[in-house]
């Protein structure tokens, strides 16, 4: 390229996925935990039954499944790039 430089696809994808990570961690995590506490309190007031542990255990399971899935996907993405000829090898 005359007078410019090429931006690697990996840099662009890193910026997009990093922004998505912080969207999930920085915004959605506090909102969802606050909503879980509100729902638990409403349920306690309506029924007299405390279900804090049940709500938090389901939330914890969902977070662990999401983290596991993202680690699996991020582990296979470099191999997929190499198979399509996008890698540096």
PDB file of N, CA and C in Angstrom:
ATOM      1  N   UNK A   1       0.843  -1.185   0.000  1.00  0.00           N
ATOM      2  CA  UNK A   1       0.000   0.000   0.000  1.00  0.00           C
ATOM      3  C   UNK A   1       0.882   1.240   0.000  1.00  0.00           C
ATOM      4  N   UNK A   2       0.573   2.158  -0.813  1.00  0.00           N
ATOM      5  CA  UNK A   2       1.344   3.394  -0.882  1.00  0.00           C
ATOM      6  C   UNK A   2       0.815   4.389   0.148  1.00  0.00           C
ATOM      7  N   UNK A   3       1.675   4.785   1.086  1.00  0.00           N
ATOM      8  CA  UNK A   3       1.301   5.812   2.047  1.00  0.00           C
ATOM      9  C   UNK A   3       0.385   5.352   3.160  1.00  0.00           C
ATOM     10  N   UNK A   4       0.229   4.068   3.373  1.00  0.00           N
ATOM     11  CA  UNK A   4      -0.650   3.596   4.437  1.00  0.00           C
ATOM     12  C   UNK A   4      -0.144   2.294   5.011  1.00  0.00           C
ATOM     13  N   UNK A   5      -0.934   1.691   5.828  1.00  0.00           N
ATOM     14  CA  UNK A   5      -0.557   0.403   6.396  1.00  0.00           C
ATOM     15  C   UNK A   5      -1.800  -0.462   6.508  1.00  0.00           C
ATOM     16  N   UNK A   6      -1.582  -1.754   6.474  1.00  0.00           N
ATOM     17  CA  UNK A   6      -2.689  -2.699   6.574  1.00  0.00           C
ATOM     18  C   UNK A   6      -2.962  -3.004   8.042  1.00  0.00           C
ATOM     19  N   UNK A   7      -4.216  -3.054   8.393  1.00  0.00           N
ATOM     20  CA  UNK A   7      -4.615  -3.406   9.750  1.00  0.00           C
ATOM     21  C   UNK A   7      -4.958  -4.892   9.756  1.00  0.00           C
ATOM     22  N   UNK A   8      -4.292  -5.671  10.609  1.00  0.00           N
ATOM     23  CA  UNK A   8      -4.570  -7.111  10.632  1.00  0.00           C
ATOM     24  C   UNK A   8      -5.998  -7.411  11.087  1.00  0.00           C
ATOM     25  N   UNK A   9      -6.544  -8.470  10.537  1.00  0.00           N
ATOM     26  CA  UNK A   9      -7.898  -8.901  10.903  1.00  0.00           C
ATOM     27  C   UNK A   9      -7.942  -9.273  12.380  1.00  0.00           C
ATOM     28  N   UNK A  10      -6.857  -9.854  12.883  1.00  0.00           N
ATOM     29  CA  UNK A  10      -6.829 -10.250  14.292  1.00  0.00           C
ATOM     30  C   UNK A  10      -6.959  -9.039  15.217  1.00  0.00           C
ATOM     31  N   UNK A  11      -6.394  -7.911  14.838  1.00  0.00           N
ATOM     32  CA  UNK A  11      -6.512  -6.698  15.654  1.00  0.00           C
ATOM     33  C   UNK A  11      -7.953  -6.203  15.672  1.00  0.00           C
ATOM     34  N   UNK A  12      -8.573  -6.198  14.533  1.00  0.00           N
ATOM     35  CA  UNK A  12      -9.974  -5.752  14.452  1.00  0.00           C
ATOM     36  C   UNK A  12     -10.876  -6.677  15.263  1.00  0.00           C
ATOM     37  N   UNK A  13     -10.685  -7.988  15.119  1.00  0.00           N
ATOM     38  CA  UNK A  13     -11.521  -8.927  15.877  1.00  0.00           C
ATOM     39  C   UNK A  13     -11.252  -8.820  17.376  1.00  0.00           C
ATOM     40  N   UNK A  14      -9.984  -8.584  17.762  1.00  0.00           N
ATOM     41  CA  UNK A  14      -9.677  -8.407  19.183  1.00  0.00           C
ATOM     42  C   UNK A  14     -10.413  -7.197  19.752  1.00  0.00           C
ATOM     43  N   UNK A  15     -10.388  -6.088  19.036  1.00  0.00           N
ATOM     44  CA  UNK A  15     -11.043  -4.873  19.517  1.00  0.00           C
ATOM     45  C   UNK A  15     -12.553  -5.101  19.660  1.00  0.00           C
ATOM     46  N   UNK A  16     -13.156  -5.763  18.695  1.00  0.00           N
ATOM     47  CA  UNK A  16     -14.605  -6.016  18.745  1.00  0.00           C
ATOM     48  C   UNK A  16     -14.958  -6.942  19.899  1.00  0.00           C
ATOM     49  N   UNK A  17     -14.224  -8.054  20.033  1.00  0.00           N
ATOM     50  CA  UNK A  17     -14.534  -9.005  21.098  1.00  0.00           C
ATOM     51  C   UNK A  17     -14.181  -8.445  22.476  1.00  0.00           C
ATOM     52  N   UNK A  18     -13.142  -7.638  22.567  1.00  0.00           N
ATOM     53  CA  UNK A  18     -12.787  -7.030  23.848  1.00  0.00           C
ATOM     54  C   UNK A  18     -13.863  -6.042  24.285  1.00  0.00           C
ATOM     55  N   UNK A  19     -14.378  -5.286  23.341  1.00  0.00           N
ATOM     56  CA  UNK A  19     -15.480  -4.376  23.666  1.00  0.00           C
ATOM     57  C   UNK A  19     -16.712  -5.161  24.100  1.00  0.00           C
ATOM     58  N   UNK A  20     -16.980  -6.277  23.436  1.00  0.00           N
ATOM     59  CA  UNK A  20     -18.103  -7.127  23.839  1.00  0.00           C
ATOM     60  C   UNK A  20     -17.921  -7.713  25.226  1.00  0.00           C
ATOM     61  N   UNK A  21     -16.675  -8.082  25.549  1.00  0.00           N
ATOM     62  CA  UNK A  21     -16.386  -8.611  26.886  1.00  0.00           C
ATOM     63  C   UNK A  21     -16.689  -7.566  27.951  1.00  0.00           C
ATOM     64  N   UNK A  22     -16.235  -6.343  27.728  1.00  0.00           N
ATOM     65  CA  UNK A  22     -16.467  -5.314  28.726  1.00  0.00           C
ATOM     66  C   UNK A  22     -17.924  -4.890  28.767  1.00  0.00           C
ATOM     67  N   UNK A  23     -18.620  -5.019  27.661  1.00  0.00           N
ATOM     68  CA  UNK A  23     -20.059  -4.762  27.691  1.00  0.00           C
ATOM     69  C   UNK A  23     -20.727  -5.768  28.617  1.00  0.00           C
ATOM     70  N   UNK A  24     -20.326  -7.033  28.492  1.00  0.00           N
ATOM     71  CA  UNK A  24     -20.910  -8.068  29.344  1.00  0.00           C
ATOM     72  C   UNK A  24     -20.476  -7.969  30.786  1.00  0.00           C
ATOM     73  N   UNK A  25     -19.195  -7.731  31.013  1.00  0.00           N
ATOM     74  CA  UNK A  25     -18.685  -7.693  32.383  1.00  0.00           C
ATOM     75  C   UNK A  25     -18.994  -6.384  33.092  1.00  0.00           C
ATOM     76  N   UNK A  26     -18.851  -5.298  32.386  1.00  0.00           N
ATOM     77  CA  UNK A  26     -18.984  -3.997  33.024  1.00  0.00           C
ATOM     78  C   UNK A  26     -20.397  -3.482  33.141  1.00  0.00           C
ATOM     79  N   UNK A  27     -21.279  -3.946  32.273  1.00  0.00           N
ATOM     80  CA  UNK A  27     -22.642  -3.428  32.283  1.00  0.00           C
ATOM     81  C   UNK A  27     -23.651  -4.499  32.678  1.00  0.00           C
ATOM     82  N   UNK A  28     -23.597  -5.630  31.977  1.00  0.00           N
ATOM     83  CA  UNK A  28     -24.635  -6.638  32.182  1.00  0.00           C
ATOM     84  C   UNK A  28     -24.497  -7.400  33.498  1.00  0.00           C
ATOM     85  N   UNK A  29     -23.294  -7.644  33.955  1.00  0.00           N
ATOM     86  CA  UNK A  29     -23.126  -8.389  35.208  1.00  0.00           C
ATOM     87  C   UNK A  29     -23.702  -7.640  36.406  1.00  0.00           C
ATOM     88  N   UNK A  30     -23.385  -6.366  36.621  1.00  0.00           N
ATOM     89  CA  UNK A  30     -24.009  -5.663  37.752  1.00  0.00           C
ATOM     90  C   UNK A  30     -25.523  -5.521  37.614  1.00  0.00           C
ATOM     91  N   UNK A  31     -25.995  -5.316  36.396  1.00  0.00           N
ATOM     92  CA  UNK A  31     -27.440  -5.184  36.202  1.00  0.00           C
ATOM     93  C   UNK A  31     -28.145  -6.500  36.507  1.00  0.00           C
ATOM     94  N   UNK A  32     -27.588  -7.601  36.017  1.00  0.00           N
ATOM     95  CA  UNK A  32     -28.258  -8.888  36.234  1.00  0.00           C
ATOM     96  C   UNK A  32     -28.229  -9.304  37.698  1.00  0.00           C
ATOM     97  N   UNK A  33     -27.142  -9.029  38.405  1.00  0.00           N
ATOM     98  CA  UNK A  33     -27.122  -9.380  39.828  1.00  0.00           C
ATOM     99  C   UNK A  33     -28.092  -8.504  40.620  1.00  0.00           C
ATOM    100  N   UNK A  34     -28.217  -7.247  40.243  1.00  0.00           N
ATOM    101  CA  UNK A  34     -29.180  -6.380  40.925  1.00  0.00           C
ATOM    102  C   UNK A  34     -30.614  -6.836  40.649  1.00  0.00           C
ATOM    103  N   UNK A  35     -30.875  -7.245  39.406  1.00  0.00           N
ATOM    104  CA  UNK A  35     -32.217  -7.734  39.073  1.00  0.00           C
ATOM    105  C   UNK A  35     -32.520  -9.035  39.801  1.00  0.00           C
ATOM    106  N   UNK A  36     -31.510  -9.895  39.961  1.00  0.00           N
ATOM    107  CA  UNK A  36     -31.697 -11.155  40.676  1.00  0.00           C
ATOM    108  C   UNK A  36     -32.066 -10.882  42.134  1.00  0.00           C
ATOM    109  N   UNK A  37     -31.418  -9.906  42.754  1.00  0.00           N
ATOM    110  CA  UNK A  37     -31.749  -9.547  44.135  1.00  0.00           C
ATOM    111  C   UNK A  37     -33.165  -8.975  44.229  1.00  0.00           C
ATOM    112  N   UNK A  38     -33.548  -8.163  43.263  1.00  0.00           N
ATOM    113  CA  UNK A  38     -34.905  -7.597  43.267  1.00  0.00           C
ATOM    114  C   UNK A  38     -35.960  -8.683  43.109  1.00  0.00           C
ATOM    115  N   UNK A  39     -35.727  -9.617  42.197  1.00  0.00           N
ATOM    116  CA  UNK A  39     -36.691 -10.699  41.976  1.00  0.00           C
ATOM    117  C   UNK A  39     -36.806 -11.567  43.219  1.00  0.00           C
ATOM    118  N   UNK A  40     -35.689 -11.839  43.863  1.00  0.00           N
ATOM    119  CA  UNK A  40     -35.695 -12.632  45.080  1.00  0.00           C
ATOM    120  C   UNK A  40     -36.479 -11.929  46.189  1.00  0.00           C
ATOM    121  N   UNK A  41     -36.293 -10.632  46.304  1.00  0.00           N
ATOM    122  CA  UNK A  41     -37.010  -9.869  47.327  1.00  0.00           C
ATOM    123  C   UNK A  41     -38.509  -9.826  47.038  1.00  0.00           C
ATOM    124  N   UNK A  42     -38.890  -9.649  45.784  1.00  0.00           N
ATOM    125  CA  UNK A  42     -40.313  -9.649  45.414  1.00  0.00           C
ATOM    126  C   UNK A  42     -40.932 -11.004  45.721  1.00  0.00           C
ATOM    127  N   UNK A  43     -40.210 -12.076  45.393  1.00  0.00           N
ATOM    128  CA  UNK A  43     -40.721 -13.420  45.679  1.00  0.00           C
ATOM    129  C   UNK A  43     -40.869 -13.631  47.187  1.00  0.00           C
ATOM    130  N   UNK A  44     -39.928 -13.133  47.967  1.00  0.00           N
ATOM    131  CA  UNK A  44     -40.005 -13.262  49.423  1.00  0.00           C
ATOM    132  C   UNK A  44     -41.213 -12.511  49.968  1.00  0.00           C
ATOM    133  N   UNK A  45     -41.474 -11.320  49.459  1.00  0.00           N
ATOM    134  CA  UNK A  45     -42.609 -10.540  49.936  1.00  0.00           C
ATOM    135  C   UNK A  45     -43.942 -11.159  49.530  1.00  0.00           C
ATOM    136  N   UNK A  46     -44.005 -11.787  48.349  1.00  0.00           N
ATOM    137  CA  UNK A  46     -45.260 -12.359  47.866  1.00  0.00           C
ATOM    138  C   UNK A  46     -45.567 -13.707  48.508  1.00  0.00           C
ATOM    139  N   UNK A  47     -44.547 -14.521  48.713  1.00  0.00           N
ATOM    140  CA  UNK A  47     -44.789 -15.888  49.184  1.00  0.00           C
ATOM    141  C   UNK A  47     -44.262 -16.169  50.585  1.00  0.00           C
ATOM    142  N   UNK A  48     -43.349 -15.349  51.080  1.00  0.00           N
ATOM    143  CA  UNK A  48     -42.737 -15.608  52.377  1.00  0.00           C
ATOM    144  C   UNK A  48     -41.632 -16.656  52.309  1.00  0.00           C
ATOM    145  N   UNK A  49     -41.301 -17.088  51.106  1.00  0.00           N
ATOM    146  CA  UNK A  49     -40.276 -18.114  50.907  1.00  0.00           C
ATOM    147  C   UNK A  49     -38.995 -17.451  50.369  1.00  0.00           C
ATOM    148  N   UNK A  50     -37.886 -17.722  51.026  1.00  0.00           N
ATOM    149  CA  UNK A  50     -36.616 -17.143  50.632  1.00  0.00           C
ATOM    150  C   UNK A  50     -35.925 -18.067  49.630  1.00  0.00           C
ATOM    151  N   UNK A  51     -35.713 -17.569  48.414  1.00  0.00           N
ATOM    152  CA  UNK A  51     -35.083 -18.380  47.366  1.00  0.00           C
ATOM    153  C   UNK A  51     -33.788 -17.747  46.863  1.00  0.00           C
ATOM    154  N   UNK A  52     -33.078 -17.042  47.733  1.00  0.00           N
ATOM    155  CA  UNK A  52     -31.828 -16.390  47.324  1.00  0.00           C
ATOM    156  C   UNK A  52     -30.828 -17.391  46.777  1.00  0.00           C
ATOM    157  N   UNK A  53     -30.674 -18.506  47.456  1.00  0.00           N
ATOM    158  CA  UNK A  53     -29.705 -19.514  47.042  1.00  0.00           C
ATOM    159  C   UNK A  53     -30.028 -20.126  45.695  1.00  0.00           C
ATOM    160  N   UNK A  54     -31.300 -20.361  45.435  1.00  0.00           N
ATOM    161  CA  UNK A  54     -31.694 -20.951  44.154  1.00  0.00           C
ATOM    162  C   UNK A  54     -31.418 -19.994  42.995  1.00  0.00           C
ATOM    163  N   UNK A  55     -31.751 -18.739  43.168  1.00  0.00           N
ATOM    164  CA  UNK A  55     -31.507 -17.766  42.109  1.00  0.00           C
ATOM    165  C   UNK A  55     -30.010 -17.591  41.852  1.00  0.00           C
ATOM    166  N   UNK A  56     -29.231 -17.509  42.918  1.00  0.00           N
ATOM    167  CA  UNK A  56     -27.798 -17.305  42.736  1.00  0.00           C
ATOM    168  C   UNK A  56     -27.126 -18.546  42.163  1.00  0.00           C
ATOM    169  N   UNK A  57     -27.606 -19.741  42.494  1.00  0.00           N
ATOM    170  CA  UNK A  57     -26.991 -20.953  41.941  1.00  0.00           C
ATOM    171  C   UNK A  57     -27.283 -21.086  40.447  1.00  0.00           C
ATOM    172  N   UNK A  58     -28.476 -20.759  40.020  1.00  0.00           N
ATOM    173  CA  UNK A  58     -28.794 -20.796  38.589  1.00  0.00           C
ATOM    174  C   UNK A  58     -27.985 -19.743  37.841  1.00  0.00           C
ATOM    175  N   UNK A  59     -27.857 -18.569  38.432  1.00  0.00           N
ATOM    176  CA  UNK A  59     -27.053 -17.513  37.808  1.00  0.00           C
ATOM    177  C   UNK A  59     -25.591 -17.934  37.706  1.00  0.00           C
ATOM    178  N   UNK A  60     -25.072 -18.541  38.765  1.00  0.00           N
ATOM    179  CA  UNK A  60     -23.683 -19.000  38.759  1.00  0.00           C
ATOM    180  C   UNK A  60     -23.473 -20.080  37.703  1.00  0.00           C
ATOM    181  N   UNK A  61     -24.405 -21.006  37.578  1.00  0.00           N
ATOM    182  CA  UNK A  61     -24.309 -22.054  36.560  1.00  0.00           C
ATOM    183  C   UNK A  61     -24.323 -21.452  35.155  1.00  0.00           C
ATOM    184  N   UNK A  62     -25.215 -20.501  34.928  1.00  0.00           N
ATOM    185  CA  UNK A  62     -25.291 -19.867  33.610  1.00  0.00           C
ATOM    186  C   UNK A  62     -23.999 -19.127  33.280  1.00  0.00           C
ATOM    187  N   UNK A  63     -23.413 -18.441  34.258  1.00  0.00           N
ATOM    188  CA  UNK A  63     -22.152 -17.736  34.026  1.00  0.00           C
ATOM    189  C   UNK A  63     -21.025 -18.715  33.721  1.00  0.00           C
ATOM    190  N   UNK A  64     -20.973 -19.821  34.452  1.00  0.00           N
ATOM    191  CA  UNK A  64     -19.914 -20.810  34.215  1.00  0.00           C
ATOM    192  C   UNK A  64     -20.067 -21.465  32.844  1.00  0.00           C
ATOM    193  N   UNK A  65     -21.292 -21.737  32.430  1.00  0.00           N
ATOM    194  CA  UNK A  65     -21.516 -22.296  31.088  1.00  0.00           C
ATOM    195  C   UNK A  65     -21.109 -21.305  30.003  1.00  0.00           C
ATOM    196  N   UNK A  66     -21.425 -20.038  30.198  1.00  0.00           N
ATOM    197  CA  UNK A  66     -21.060 -19.016  29.212  1.00  0.00           C
ATOM    198  C   UNK A  66     -19.546 -18.865  29.120  1.00  0.00           C
ATOM    199  N   UNK A  67     -18.868 -18.887  30.258  1.00  0.00           N
ATOM    200  CA  UNK A  67     -17.408 -18.779  30.251  1.00  0.00           C
ATOM    201  C   UNK A  67     -16.796 -19.995  29.572  1.00  0.00           C
ATOM    202  N   UNK A  68     -17.310 -21.185  29.874  1.00  0.00           N
ATOM    203  CA  UNK A  68     -16.785 -22.406  29.250  1.00  0.00           C
ATOM    204  C   UNK A  68     -16.982 -22.383  27.739  1.00  0.00           C
ATOM    205  N   UNK A  69     -18.139 -21.954  27.306  1.00  0.00           N
ATOM    206  CA  UNK A  69     -18.412 -21.878  25.867  1.00  0.00           C
ATOM    207  C   UNK A  69     -17.482 -20.882  25.182  1.00  0.00           C
ATOM    208  N   UNK A  70     -17.269 -19.733  25.813  1.00  0.00           N
ATOM    209  CA  UNK A  70     -16.397 -18.736  25.189  1.00  0.00           C
ATOM    210  C   UNK A  70     -14.955 -19.216  25.140  1.00  0.00           C
ATOM    211  N   UNK A  71     -14.506 -19.963  26.144  1.00  0.00           N
ATOM    212  CA  UNK A  71     -13.150 -20.510  26.103  1.00  0.00           C
ATOM    213  C   UNK A  71     -13.001 -21.557  25.010  1.00  0.00           C
ATOM    214  N   UNK A  72     -14.025 -22.369  24.819  1.00  0.00           N
ATOM    215  CA  UNK A  72     -13.983 -23.371  23.746  1.00  0.00           C
ATOM    216  C   UNK A  72     -13.923 -22.684  22.382  1.00  0.00           C
ATOM    217  N   UNK A  73     -14.771 -21.694  22.183  1.00  0.00           N
ATOM    218  CA  UNK A  73     -14.792 -20.983  20.901  1.00  0.00           C
ATOM    219  C   UNK A  73     -13.474 -20.263  20.655  1.00  0.00           C
ATOM    220  N   UNK A  74     -12.961 -19.585  21.685  1.00  0.00           N
ATOM    221  CA  UNK A  74     -11.713 -18.858  21.488  1.00  0.00           C
ATOM    222  C   UNK A  74     -10.536 -19.806  21.287  1.00  0.00           C
ATOM    223  N   UNK A  75     -10.635 -21.023  21.754  1.00  0.00           N
ATOM    224  CA  UNK A  75      -9.582 -22.002  21.515  1.00  0.00           C
ATOM    225  C   UNK A  75      -9.584 -22.533  20.095  1.00  0.00           C
ATOM    226  N   UNK A  76     -10.760 -22.613  19.483  1.00  0.00           N
ATOM    227  CA  UNK A  76     -10.855 -23.143  18.128  1.00  0.00           C
ATOM    228  C   UNK A  76     -10.716 -22.079  17.041  1.00  0.00           C
ATOM    229  N   UNK A  77     -10.882 -20.809  17.371  1.00  0.00           N
ATOM    230  CA  UNK A  77     -10.791 -19.759  16.355  1.00  0.00           C
ATOM    231  C   UNK A  77      -9.424 -19.689  15.673  1.00  0.00           C
ATOM    232  N   UNK A  78      -8.310 -19.763  16.407  1.00  0.00           N
ATOM    233  CA  UNK A  78      -7.016 -19.735  15.703  1.00  0.00           C
ATOM    234  C   UNK A  78      -6.839 -20.916  14.749  1.00  0.00           C
ATOM    235  N   UNK A  79      -7.303 -22.090  15.152  1.00  0.00           N
ATOM    236  CA  UNK A  79      -7.197 -23.265  14.274  1.00  0.00           C
ATOM    237  C   UNK A  79      -8.072 -23.081  13.039  1.00  0.00           C
ATOM    238  N   UNK A  80      -9.242 -22.519  13.210  1.00  0.00           N
ATOM    239  CA  UNK A  80     -10.123 -22.259  12.074  1.00  0.00           C
ATOM    240  C   UNK A  80      -9.474 -21.275  11.111  1.00  0.00           C
ATOM    241  N   UNK A  81      -8.797 -20.271  11.646  1.00  0.00           N
ATOM    242  CA  UNK A  81      -8.084 -19.317  10.801  1.00  0.00           C
ATOM    243  C   UNK A  81      -6.958 -19.964  10.023  1.00  0.00           C
ATOM    244  N   UNK A  82      -6.243 -20.886  10.657  1.00  0.00           N
ATOM    245  CA  UNK A  82      -5.167 -21.585   9.953  1.00  0.00           C
ATOM    246  C   UNK A  82      -5.718 -22.483   8.858  1.00  0.00           C
ATOM    247  N   UNK A  83      -6.870 -23.117   9.104  1.00  0.00           N
ATOM    248  CA  UNK A  83      -7.459 -23.986   8.104  1.00  0.00           C
ATOM    249  C   UNK A  83      -7.929 -23.197   6.876  1.00  0.00           C
ATOM    250  N   UNK A  84      -8.322 -21.951   7.078  1.00  0.00           N
ATOM    251  CA  UNK A  84      -8.772 -21.122   5.970  1.00  0.00           C
ATOM    252  C   UNK A  84      -7.652 -20.312   5.359  1.00  0.00           C
ATOM    253  N   UNK A  85      -6.429 -20.535   5.803  1.00  0.00           N
ATOM    254  CA  UNK A  85      -5.285 -19.844   5.217  1.00  0.00           C
ATOM    255  C   UNK A  85      -5.090 -18.425   5.720  1.00  0.00           C
ATOM    256  N   UNK A  86      -5.666 -18.090   6.884  1.00  0.00           N
ATOM    257  CA  UNK A  86      -5.537 -16.741   7.408  1.00  0.00           C
ATOM    258  C   UNK A  86      -4.369 -16.596   8.365  1.00  0.00           C
ATOM    259  N   UNK A  87      -3.792 -17.724   8.778  1.00  0.00           N
ATOM    260  CA  UNK A  87      -2.692 -17.675   9.749  1.00  0.00           C
ATOM    261  C   UNK A  87      -1.384 -17.261   9.108  1.00  0.00           C
ATOM    262  N   UNK A  88      -0.410 -16.967   9.948  1.00  0.00           N
ATOM    263  CA  UNK A  88       0.883 -16.525   9.471  1.00  0.00           C
ATOM    264  C   UNK A  88       1.807 -17.675   9.076  1.00  0.00           C
ATOM    265  N   UNK A  89       1.396 -18.935   9.281  1.00  0.00           N
ATOM    266  CA  UNK A  89       2.250 -20.084   8.975  1.00  0.00           C
ATOM    267  C   UNK A  89       2.304 -20.367   7.493  1.00  0.00           C
TER     268      UNK A  89
END
